[in-house]
Protein backbone atom coordinates (compact mmCIF):
# COMPACT_ATOMS: atom_id res chain seq x y z
CA UNK A 1 -5.92 142.81 126.90
CA UNK A 2 -5.81 140.59 129.99
CA UNK A 3 -3.20 141.15 132.70
CA UNK A 4 -1.95 138.04 134.52
CA UNK A 5 -0.14 139.16 137.69
CA UNK A 6 2.48 136.83 139.17
CA UNK A 7 3.88 137.21 142.67
CA UNK A 8 7.53 136.52 141.82
CA UNK A 9 9.90 135.83 138.96
CA UNK A 10 9.69 132.09 139.60
CA UNK A 11 5.95 131.95 140.37
CA UNK A 12 5.09 128.77 138.51
CA UNK A 13 1.99 128.08 140.62
CA UNK A 14 0.64 131.55 139.84
CA UNK A 15 1.28 131.04 136.14
CA UNK A 16 -0.41 127.64 136.18
CA UNK A 17 -3.57 128.97 137.88
CA UNK A 18 -3.83 131.95 135.53
CA UNK A 19 -3.08 129.84 132.46
CA UNK A 20 -5.77 127.33 133.48
CA UNK A 21 -8.41 130.07 133.67
CA UNK A 22 -7.29 131.70 130.42
CA UNK A 23 -7.21 128.41 128.54
CA UNK A 24 -10.69 127.48 129.81
CA UNK A 25 -11.96 130.72 128.29
CA UNK A 26 -10.02 130.10 125.09
CA UNK A 27 -8.19 133.41 125.47
CA UNK A 28 -5.60 133.89 122.72
CA UNK A 29 -1.96 134.18 123.80
CA UNK A 30 -1.84 137.52 121.95
CA UNK A 31 -4.46 138.89 124.35
CA UNK A 32 -2.49 138.22 127.55
CA UNK A 33 0.14 140.33 129.29
CA UNK A 34 2.16 138.60 132.01
CA UNK A 35 3.24 140.86 134.85
CA UNK A 36 5.82 139.81 137.45
CA UNK A 37 5.60 141.51 140.83
CA UNK A 38 5.65 145.30 140.62
CA UNK A 39 7.36 145.45 137.25
CA UNK A 40 5.61 147.77 134.77
CA UNK A 41 3.43 146.06 132.23
CA UNK A 42 1.68 146.91 128.97
CA UNK A 43 -0.15 150.24 129.14
CA UNK A 44 -3.13 148.70 127.36
CA UNK A 45 -3.46 145.79 129.74
CA UNK A 46 -6.47 146.90 131.78
CA UNK A 47 -8.41 143.73 132.59
CA UNK A 48 -7.09 141.64 135.45
CA UNK A 49 -7.34 137.88 135.39
CA UNK A 50 -9.81 136.43 137.83
CA UNK A 51 -8.68 132.96 138.76
CA UNK A 52 -11.62 130.70 139.34
CA UNK A 53 -12.37 126.99 139.51
CA UNK A 54 -12.04 126.44 135.79
CA UNK A 55 -11.43 122.84 134.74
CA UNK A 56 -7.78 122.12 134.10
CA UNK A 57 -6.94 121.67 130.41
CA UNK A 58 -5.67 118.24 129.52
CA UNK A 59 -2.01 118.45 128.50
CA UNK A 60 0.83 115.94 128.70
CA UNK A 61 2.44 115.58 132.12
CA UNK A 62 5.81 116.18 130.51
CA UNK A 63 4.73 119.73 129.66
CA UNK A 64 3.97 120.51 133.31
CA UNK A 65 7.46 119.39 134.28
CA UNK A 66 8.94 121.40 131.43
CA UNK A 67 6.94 124.50 132.37
CA UNK A 68 7.98 124.26 136.01
CA UNK A 69 11.62 124.45 134.91
CA UNK A 70 11.20 127.07 132.19
CA UNK A 71 9.36 129.34 134.67
CA UNK A 72 12.72 129.85 136.39
CA UNK A 73 14.42 131.14 133.23
CA UNK A 74 15.49 134.78 133.02
CA UNK A 75 13.86 135.36 129.62
CA UNK A 76 11.05 137.94 130.14
CA UNK A 77 8.96 136.13 127.51
CA UNK A 78 9.01 132.78 129.31
CA UNK A 79 5.45 132.88 130.68
CA UNK A 80 4.00 134.05 127.37
CA UNK A 81 5.88 131.31 125.52
CA UNK A 82 4.61 128.69 127.94
CA UNK A 83 1.01 129.84 127.64
CA UNK A 84 1.24 129.87 123.83
CA UNK A 85 2.54 126.29 123.90
CA UNK A 86 -0.20 125.29 126.37
CA UNK A 87 -2.91 126.48 124.00
CA UNK A 88 -1.39 124.45 121.17
CA UNK A 89 -1.00 121.30 123.26
CA UNK A 90 -4.67 121.27 124.21
CA UNK A 91 -5.50 120.42 120.59
CA UNK A 92 -2.18 118.78 119.64
CA UNK A 93 -0.95 116.80 122.66
CA UNK A 94 1.66 114.92 120.61
CA UNK A 95 3.39 118.19 119.88
CA UNK A 96 5.30 117.66 123.14
CA UNK A 97 7.42 115.05 121.31
CA UNK A 98 8.08 117.17 118.22
CA UNK A 99 11.73 118.15 118.67
CA UNK A 100 11.69 119.96 115.31
CA UNK A 101 9.01 122.44 116.36
CA UNK A 102 10.79 125.81 116.87
CA UNK A 103 8.73 126.84 119.89
CA UNK A 104 9.14 123.48 121.61
CA UNK A 105 12.84 123.45 120.82
CA UNK A 106 13.21 126.93 122.34
CA UNK A 107 11.47 125.84 125.54
CA UNK A 108 13.68 122.75 125.78
CA UNK A 109 16.80 124.90 125.41
CA UNK A 110 15.53 127.24 128.12
CA UNK A 111 14.91 124.30 130.46
CA UNK A 112 18.38 122.97 129.74
CA UNK A 113 19.92 126.34 130.64
CA UNK A 114 17.99 126.42 133.92
CA UNK A 115 19.07 122.90 134.85
CA UNK A 116 22.66 123.83 134.09
CA UNK A 117 22.40 126.89 136.33
CA UNK A 118 20.90 124.79 139.13
CA UNK A 119 23.88 122.44 138.89
CA UNK A 120 26.37 125.32 138.83
CA UNK A 121 24.96 126.76 142.04
CA UNK A 122 25.15 123.41 143.79
CA UNK A 123 28.67 122.74 142.53
CA UNK A 124 30.31 126.14 142.82
CA UNK A 125 28.71 127.86 145.82
CA UNK A 126 31.22 128.22 148.69
CA UNK A 127 30.35 128.98 152.33
CA UNK A 128 32.63 131.05 154.54
CA UNK A 129 32.59 130.89 158.31
CA UNK A 130 31.42 133.99 160.19
CA UNK A 131 31.22 134.45 163.95
CA UNK A 132 28.11 136.29 165.11
CA UNK A 133 26.01 136.65 168.23
CA UNK A 134 24.54 133.26 168.97
CA UNK A 135 27.29 131.21 167.33
CA UNK A 136 28.80 130.46 163.96
CA UNK A 137 27.05 131.14 160.67
CA UNK A 138 28.22 130.11 157.21
CA UNK A 139 27.62 132.69 154.50
CA UNK A 140 27.89 132.27 150.72
CA UNK A 141 27.57 134.64 147.78
CA UNK A 142 26.32 133.47 144.38
CA UNK A 143 25.17 135.18 141.19
CA UNK A 144 22.80 132.88 139.29
CA UNK A 145 21.85 133.45 135.68
CA UNK A 146 18.24 132.43 136.26
CA UNK A 147 15.65 132.50 139.04
CA UNK A 148 16.78 129.26 140.68
CA UNK A 149 17.61 130.30 144.25
CA UNK A 150 14.31 129.29 145.89
CA UNK A 151 14.28 126.03 143.97
CA UNK A 152 17.76 125.18 145.30
CA UNK A 153 16.88 126.08 148.88
CA UNK A 154 15.67 122.60 149.80
CA UNK A 155 18.85 121.04 148.39
CA UNK A 156 21.05 123.11 150.72
CA UNK A 157 18.74 122.49 153.68
CA UNK A 158 19.04 118.74 153.17
CA UNK A 159 22.79 118.88 152.63
CA UNK A 160 23.69 121.30 155.43
CA UNK A 161 20.89 120.70 157.89
CA UNK A 162 23.17 120.92 160.94
CA UNK A 163 24.67 124.28 159.92
CA UNK A 164 23.33 127.77 160.32
CA UNK A 165 23.80 129.35 156.93
CA UNK A 166 22.84 132.19 154.59
CA UNK A 167 22.99 132.29 150.80
CA UNK A 168 23.16 135.82 149.44
CA UNK A 169 22.24 136.59 145.81
CA UNK A 170 21.30 139.83 144.02
CA UNK A 171 17.62 138.83 143.80
CA UNK A 172 16.84 137.07 147.08
CA UNK A 173 18.61 135.74 150.16
CA UNK A 174 17.97 132.45 151.94
CA UNK A 175 18.58 131.89 155.66
CA UNK A 176 18.56 128.59 157.57
CA UNK A 177 18.66 128.57 161.36
CA UNK A 178 18.67 124.80 161.76
CA UNK A 179 14.88 124.55 161.81
CA UNK A 180 13.32 127.12 159.49
CA UNK A 181 14.20 128.31 156.00
CA UNK A 182 13.39 132.00 155.51
CA UNK A 183 13.81 134.54 152.76
CA UNK A 184 15.26 138.02 152.77
CA UNK A 185 15.90 140.77 150.26
CA UNK A 186 18.69 140.59 147.70
CA UNK A 187 22.22 141.49 148.71
CA UNK A 188 25.52 142.56 147.19
CA UNK A 189 28.89 140.87 147.13
CA UNK A 190 30.12 143.41 149.70
CA UNK A 191 27.74 141.82 152.22
CA UNK A 192 29.58 138.48 151.97
CA UNK A 193 32.78 137.70 153.92
CA UNK A 194 36.15 137.34 152.16
CA UNK A 195 37.61 134.21 153.74
CA UNK A 196 38.26 132.13 156.84
CA UNK A 197 40.77 129.60 158.26
CA UNK A 198 38.87 126.62 156.86
CA UNK A 199 39.16 128.15 153.41
CA UNK A 200 42.95 128.31 153.68
CA UNK A 201 43.10 124.64 154.65
CA UNK A 202 40.89 123.74 151.70
CA UNK A 203 43.13 125.70 149.30
CA UNK A 204 46.17 123.87 150.61
CA UNK A 205 44.45 120.51 150.10
CA UNK A 206 43.25 121.45 146.60
CA UNK A 207 46.75 122.44 145.52
CA UNK A 208 48.23 119.22 146.89
CA UNK A 209 45.87 116.95 144.91
CA UNK A 210 46.21 118.82 141.60
CA UNK A 211 47.48 116.25 139.07
CA UNK A 212 49.13 117.80 136.00
CA UNK A 213 48.89 114.59 133.96
CA UNK A 214 45.11 114.78 134.22
CA UNK A 215 44.92 118.46 133.38
CA UNK A 216 42.28 119.08 130.69
CA UNK A 217 42.00 122.83 130.59
CA UNK A 218 39.30 122.97 127.91
CA UNK A 219 37.06 120.50 129.70
CA UNK A 220 37.66 122.26 133.02
CA UNK A 221 36.65 125.65 131.62
CA UNK A 222 33.58 124.13 129.95
CA UNK A 223 32.40 122.66 133.25
CA UNK A 224 33.58 125.52 135.46
CA UNK A 225 33.45 128.82 133.50
CA UNK A 226 35.70 131.63 134.67
CA UNK A 227 32.77 133.75 135.88
CA UNK A 228 32.35 131.38 138.86
CA UNK A 229 36.02 131.53 139.83
CA UNK A 230 35.81 134.74 141.82
CA UNK A 231 33.47 133.15 144.36
CA UNK A 232 35.48 129.97 144.87
CA UNK A 233 38.61 130.02 147.05
CA UNK A 234 40.43 127.22 145.24
CA UNK A 235 40.05 128.84 141.82
CA UNK A 236 42.40 131.64 142.84
CA UNK A 237 45.05 128.91 142.61
CA UNK A 238 44.02 127.56 139.19
CA UNK A 239 45.97 129.92 136.88
CA UNK A 240 49.23 129.25 138.72
CA UNK A 241 48.52 125.53 138.87
CA UNK A 242 47.84 125.42 135.13
CA UNK A 243 50.96 127.43 134.39
CA UNK A 244 53.05 125.19 136.62
CA UNK A 245 51.62 121.83 135.58
CA UNK A 246 54.30 120.97 133.06
CA UNK A 247 57.00 122.50 135.24
CA UNK A 248 56.00 120.11 138.05
CA UNK A 249 56.30 117.12 135.75
CA UNK A 250 59.62 118.35 134.36
CA UNK A 251 60.96 118.82 137.90
CA UNK A 252 59.84 115.32 138.82
CA UNK A 253 61.67 113.90 135.82
CA UNK A 254 64.81 115.95 136.46
CA UNK A 255 64.85 114.77 140.07
CA UNK A 256 64.69 111.16 138.95
CA UNK A 257 67.38 111.80 136.34
CA UNK A 258 69.70 113.26 138.96
CA UNK A 259 69.07 110.54 141.56
CA UNK A 260 72.21 108.49 142.42
CA UNK A 261 72.15 105.33 140.36
CA UNK A 262 68.85 106.31 138.76
CA UNK A 263 69.81 108.71 136.01
CA UNK A 264 67.92 108.42 132.72
CA UNK A 265 66.47 104.97 133.48
CA UNK A 266 64.72 106.26 136.60
CA UNK A 267 63.58 109.43 134.82
CA UNK A 268 62.14 107.40 131.94
CA UNK A 269 60.38 105.01 134.35
CA UNK A 270 58.85 107.95 136.21
CA UNK A 271 57.64 109.47 132.94
CA UNK A 272 56.16 106.17 131.74
CA UNK A 273 54.34 105.64 135.04
CA UNK A 274 52.89 109.14 134.86
CA UNK A 275 51.75 108.59 131.27
CA UNK A 276 49.78 105.50 132.30
CA UNK A 277 47.19 107.85 133.84
CA UNK A 278 47.22 110.42 131.03
CA UNK A 279 43.86 112.07 130.30
CA UNK A 280 45.09 115.06 128.30
CA UNK A 281 42.66 114.33 125.48
CA UNK A 282 39.51 112.15 125.20
CA UNK A 283 41.31 109.24 123.48
CA UNK A 284 42.08 107.56 126.82
CA UNK A 285 38.42 106.67 127.32
CA UNK A 286 37.87 104.04 124.57
CA UNK A 287 41.49 102.85 124.45
CA UNK A 288 42.59 99.76 126.34
CA UNK A 289 45.69 101.42 127.78
CA UNK A 290 48.44 103.96 127.26
CA UNK A 291 51.06 102.61 124.86
CA UNK A 292 54.34 104.26 125.83
CA UNK A 293 57.66 104.15 124.03
CA UNK A 294 60.21 101.40 124.54
CA UNK A 295 63.87 100.78 123.87
CA UNK A 296 67.24 101.71 125.37
CA UNK A 297 67.22 105.15 127.00
CA UNK A 298 70.74 105.76 125.72
CA UNK A 299 69.69 105.12 122.11
CA UNK A 300 71.26 107.35 119.47
CA UNK A 301 68.18 107.06 117.25
CA UNK A 302 64.58 107.68 118.29
CA UNK A 303 61.75 106.78 115.90
CA UNK A 304 58.31 108.37 116.28
CA UNK A 305 55.26 106.77 114.67
CA UNK A 306 51.67 108.01 114.52
CA UNK A 307 49.71 106.14 117.19
CA UNK A 308 49.18 102.59 118.49
CA UNK A 309 47.17 100.30 116.27
CA UNK A 310 44.72 97.61 117.33
CA UNK A 311 47.41 95.07 118.24
CA UNK A 312 49.58 97.66 120.00
CA UNK A 313 46.59 98.81 122.06
CA UNK A 314 45.98 95.26 123.26
CA UNK A 315 49.65 94.41 123.83
CA UNK A 316 50.62 97.73 125.41
CA UNK A 317 53.74 97.93 123.20
CA UNK A 318 54.50 100.04 120.12
CA UNK A 319 55.27 98.69 116.63
CA UNK A 320 54.11 95.09 117.11
CA UNK A 321 51.38 95.02 114.43
CA UNK A 322 51.65 94.73 110.62
CA UNK A 323 53.18 98.20 110.25
CA UNK A 324 55.66 97.38 112.99
CA UNK A 325 56.69 94.20 111.19
CA UNK A 326 57.18 96.18 107.97
CA UNK A 327 59.28 98.67 109.92
CA UNK A 328 61.45 95.89 111.41
CA UNK A 329 62.11 94.45 107.94
CA UNK A 330 63.08 97.86 106.56
CA UNK A 331 65.39 98.57 109.49
CA UNK A 332 67.15 95.25 108.95
CA UNK A 333 67.67 95.99 105.24
CA UNK A 334 68.95 99.47 106.12
CA UNK A 335 71.55 97.88 108.38
CA UNK A 336 70.24 99.48 111.55
CA UNK A 337 70.21 97.43 114.76
CA UNK A 338 66.52 97.58 115.75
CA UNK A 339 67.33 96.61 119.34
CA UNK A 340 69.40 99.80 119.71
CA UNK A 341 66.57 102.11 118.58
CA UNK A 342 63.97 103.73 120.85
CA UNK A 343 60.49 103.60 119.30
CA UNK A 344 57.43 105.53 120.37
CA UNK A 345 54.32 107.23 118.96
CA UNK A 346 53.18 110.82 118.64
CA UNK A 347 49.83 109.86 120.20
CA UNK A 348 49.84 107.37 123.06
CA UNK A 349 46.26 106.04 122.80
CA UNK A 350 44.59 104.13 119.97
CA UNK A 351 42.01 106.18 118.07
CA UNK A 352 39.52 104.04 116.21
CA UNK A 353 36.00 103.70 114.81
CA UNK A 354 34.09 100.54 115.81
CA UNK A 355 32.68 98.53 112.89
CA UNK A 356 31.02 95.45 114.19
CA UNK A 357 33.64 93.55 116.15
CA UNK A 358 36.51 95.35 114.40
CA UNK A 359 38.23 98.57 115.43
CA UNK A 360 39.22 100.61 112.39
CA UNK A 361 42.13 103.05 112.68
CA UNK A 362 41.14 106.74 112.70
CA UNK A 363 43.65 109.53 112.11
CA UNK A 364 44.41 111.64 115.22
CA UNK A 365 43.29 115.26 115.15
CA UNK A 366 45.51 118.28 115.66
CA UNK A 367 44.26 118.76 119.21
CA UNK A 368 45.09 115.16 120.10
CA UNK A 369 48.57 115.41 118.57
CA UNK A 370 49.32 118.66 120.36
CA UNK A 371 48.00 117.30 123.66
CA UNK A 372 50.51 114.43 123.43
CA UNK A 373 53.50 116.58 122.41
CA UNK A 374 54.35 116.94 126.11
CA UNK A 375 55.21 113.23 126.33
CA UNK A 376 57.32 113.26 123.16
CA UNK A 377 59.24 116.29 124.35
CA UNK A 378 59.96 114.63 127.69
CA UNK A 379 61.01 111.37 126.04
CA UNK A 380 63.44 113.28 123.83
CA UNK A 381 64.62 115.27 126.84
CA UNK A 382 65.54 112.09 128.68
CA UNK A 383 67.06 110.22 125.74
CA UNK A 384 68.70 113.19 124.02
CA UNK A 385 68.94 111.15 120.79
CA UNK A 386 71.38 112.16 118.09
CA UNK A 387 68.65 111.60 115.47
CA UNK A 388 64.85 111.61 115.72
CA UNK A 389 63.02 110.03 112.77
CA UNK A 390 59.37 110.98 112.16
CA UNK A 391 57.29 108.35 110.36
CA UNK A 392 54.45 110.18 108.62
CA UNK A 393 52.69 113.55 108.93
CA UNK A 394 51.36 113.03 112.46
CA UNK A 395 54.83 112.31 113.85
CA UNK A 396 56.25 115.23 111.87
CA UNK A 397 53.73 117.62 113.39
CA UNK A 398 54.48 116.27 116.84
CA UNK A 399 58.18 117.05 116.39
CA UNK A 400 57.88 120.39 114.60
CA UNK A 401 54.60 121.78 115.99
CA UNK A 402 53.28 122.52 112.51
CA UNK A 403 51.72 120.78 109.52
CA UNK A 404 54.41 119.21 107.34
CA UNK A 405 54.27 118.11 103.69
CA UNK A 406 56.09 114.78 103.60
CA UNK A 407 57.02 114.99 99.93
CA UNK A 408 58.76 118.33 100.46
CA UNK A 409 60.58 117.59 103.72
CA UNK A 410 61.31 113.91 103.20
CA UNK A 411 64.89 112.71 103.29
CA UNK A 412 66.71 115.78 104.57
CA UNK A 413 68.04 116.91 107.92
CA UNK A 414 65.80 119.21 109.97
CA UNK A 415 66.87 121.26 112.96
CA UNK A 416 64.35 120.82 115.76
CA UNK A 417 63.32 123.46 118.32
CA UNK A 418 65.54 122.01 121.04
CA UNK A 419 68.60 122.01 118.80
CA UNK A 420 68.45 118.32 117.93
CA UNK A 421 68.22 117.00 114.38
CA UNK A 422 65.27 115.27 112.77
CA UNK A 423 64.46 113.28 109.64
CA UNK A 424 61.07 112.77 108.03
CA UNK A 425 59.87 109.84 105.95
CA UNK A 426 56.66 107.93 105.33
CA UNK A 427 54.89 105.70 107.82
CA UNK A 428 55.13 101.93 107.13
CA UNK A 429 51.33 101.72 107.07
CA UNK A 430 51.44 103.79 103.85
CA UNK A 431 53.37 100.95 102.21
CA UNK A 432 50.82 98.40 103.37
CA UNK A 433 47.99 100.35 101.71
CA UNK A 434 49.56 100.45 98.24
CA UNK A 435 47.50 98.16 95.96
CA UNK A 436 50.07 97.83 93.16
CA UNK A 437 52.75 95.28 94.02
CA UNK A 438 55.48 96.85 91.89
CA UNK A 439 54.81 100.31 93.31
CA UNK A 440 54.79 98.86 96.83
CA UNK A 441 58.22 97.29 96.27
CA UNK A 442 59.60 100.54 94.86
CA UNK A 443 58.26 102.56 97.78
CA UNK A 444 59.60 100.04 100.28
CA UNK A 445 63.07 100.36 98.72
CA UNK A 446 62.77 104.13 98.95
CA UNK A 447 61.75 103.83 102.61
CA UNK A 448 64.86 101.73 103.28
CA UNK A 449 67.00 104.40 101.62
CA UNK A 450 65.39 107.04 103.86
CA UNK A 451 66.35 105.05 106.95
CA UNK A 452 69.90 104.66 105.64
CA UNK A 453 70.01 108.41 105.06
CA UNK A 454 68.91 109.09 108.64
CA UNK A 455 71.63 106.79 109.99
CA UNK A 456 74.26 108.44 107.78
CA UNK A 457 73.17 111.94 108.83
CA UNK A 458 73.36 110.89 112.47
CA UNK A 459 76.90 109.59 111.98
């Protein structure tokens, strides 16, 4: 067995030199033991590697870049995996592009994890001000998953060149005095300071800019996992900010409702303006705009559809497309004054699939419906309608918070969670999709009867 000794856990240069000599001698990966620092190695590894001037094996440049990153991974097998891939690439250079190869795929995943950890350190490390002999020093504590600290040193030197700082981690510490970057032994969290006046100012600023309408808790946790929170001053505020997000919006609306001369009109306008910047689910990205509800805020009847269609998305108004025209015709036949009805949608952005130049309607998912329930609840809270009509299963879920079978619940009064009454029927788009003309006419007549029933129940 050959023993390849590396100076440190991230010693890529040492690995490269040893791997070059081993590959030149055609040493099998199974015959090499990779030892990092003073860590114990294989008891049978008794022949040290002598690094000489062996010719460098010809391998794709992309592999060198990949190996440099993978060398920082915490997996103890990383150097052996890299050498095994090196020996294969010498004879199969195109293997570097084979994304289906298990070994190459594993190395790519390891590199991805390292790059993610590098980003996390740059994004989530927080310095705290400490007074010491000779002036002010800024000290930070961080716990990386991989051996990335030395690699990130140059980034922090370039970014905070005018500061005197120290970065403490369990494995190694970095110190910058304004001219020279030096290393020290690993530290513990107890060696790092708890806080400073600048930190308090930053927390105050962070809390003031927190926008509840743009709160996307899942995306936030994916980008900033909870394990980093303990080292970041502003994250101590996050649980309370999340818990109070909807309360802040509700208070804003109540304030507008209570304003002299403003009342429900002002509250509704404030809610609509807030919804224009809604990013509670990903649907806002491809959509043209938020399509909010419209109609008199003192309406006795509120009608909830599924989502805006193509024409509604472009116009910024609900119920203006083919389904909206069908709805208007049915309302007229039911004897309901359409101008006295407030209409809105369970989901405020158009969800679609592009097909050429066309945008084909796609049904909203449960997560998207539930993300938008906040807006429906606030609309109902402002209007306080005597009757809320749900058109279709999406609207029914938005009102009830659960999956509803239209055929079972259709045409009868429901008591909603806030004490109001609801009524469920089909969505007009269902009628438009019926291929049989006679069936379509029968279902339209039934839809009209449903609307009449809702009006009668309200009365």
